[in-house]
Amino acid sequence: MSESIGNVAGQLWQYLDKKGSQSIAKIAKEADIEMKQLQRAIGRLAKEDKITIELKGRNELIALKKG
């Protein structure tokens, strides 16, 4: 399972690199990632300190950390 999480985390990283800051719902829809897998991938990238999570209104925006 950790291998598939790693694959989805890589897919998420590539998506964010191309599109910039996005909401979780938009990422799931546009990148065609199942919500549970997306949540796991977000957790993995957050643990590795590679993303930021910003609350804007009722939306959480995910973006790659700069630098």
Protein backbone atom coordinates (compact mmCIF):
# COMPACT_ATOMS: atom_id res chain seq x y z
CA MET A 1 0.00 0.00 0.00
CA SER A 2 2.83 2.44 0.76
CA GLU A 3 4.04 2.04 -2.83
CA SER A 4 0.63 3.06 -4.21
CA ILE A 5 0.53 6.03 -1.80
CA GLY A 6 3.95 7.02 -3.10
CA ASN A 7 2.70 6.81 -6.69
CA VAL A 8 -0.33 8.98 -5.92
CA ALA A 9 1.89 11.42 -3.98
CA GLY A 10 4.07 11.71 -7.08
CA GLN A 11 1.01 12.27 -9.25
CA LEU A 12 -0.20 14.95 -6.83
CA TRP A 13 3.22 16.64 -6.76
CA GLN A 14 3.30 16.78 -10.58
CA TYR A 15 -0.24 18.15 -10.69
CA LEU A 16 0.55 20.91 -8.17
CA ASP A 17 3.81 21.72 -9.95
CA LYS A 18 1.85 22.30 -13.15
CA LYS A 19 -1.32 23.94 -11.77
CA GLY A 20 -0.19 25.69 -8.57
CA SER A 21 -2.37 26.07 -5.47
CA GLN A 22 -5.64 24.14 -5.77
CA SER A 23 -8.52 22.95 -3.60
CA ILE A 24 -8.71 19.31 -2.62
CA ALA A 25 -11.99 18.84 -4.48
CA LYS A 26 -10.57 20.32 -7.68
CA ILE A 27 -7.45 18.16 -7.45
CA ALA A 28 -9.53 15.01 -6.97
CA LYS A 29 -11.72 15.84 -9.97
CA GLU A 30 -9.09 17.12 -12.41
CA ALA A 31 -6.34 14.64 -11.51
CA ASP A 32 -8.86 11.78 -11.28
CA ILE A 33 -7.65 10.63 -7.86
CA GLU A 34 -9.96 8.86 -5.41
CA MET A 35 -10.51 11.05 -2.32
CA LYS A 36 -9.09 8.52 0.19
CA GLN A 37 -5.95 8.08 -1.89
CA LEU A 38 -5.64 11.85 -2.27
CA GLN A 39 -5.90 12.35 1.50
CA ARG A 40 -3.15 9.78 2.07
CA ALA A 41 -0.94 11.41 -0.56
CA ILE A 42 -1.48 14.83 1.02
CA GLY A 43 -0.51 13.35 4.38
CA ARG A 44 2.66 11.86 2.95
CA LEU A 45 3.73 15.08 1.23
CA ALA A 46 2.89 17.07 4.38
CA LYS A 47 4.98 14.69 6.49
CA GLU A 48 7.87 15.19 4.05
CA ASP A 49 7.32 18.97 4.39
CA LYS A 50 6.79 19.40 0.63
CA ILE A 51 3.38 21.12 0.63
CA THR A 52 1.49 23.92 2.32
CA ILE A 53 -2.15 23.76 3.34
CA GLU A 54 -3.95 27.10 3.53
CA LEU A 55 -7.53 27.66 4.64
CA LYS A 56 -9.39 30.18 2.45
CA GLY A 57 -12.98 30.55 3.52
CA ARG A 58 -14.31 27.00 3.59
CA ASN A 59 -11.69 25.62 1.20
CA GLU A 60 -8.33 24.10 1.96
CA LEU A 61 -5.80 24.99 -0.72
CA ILE A 62 -2.84 22.70 -1.28
CA ALA A 63 0.37 24.00 -2.85
CA LEU A 64 3.99 22.94 -3.18
CA LYS A 65 6.43 24.65 -0.86
CA LYS A 66 8.74 27.02 -2.63
CA GLY A 67 12.47 26.57 -2.43
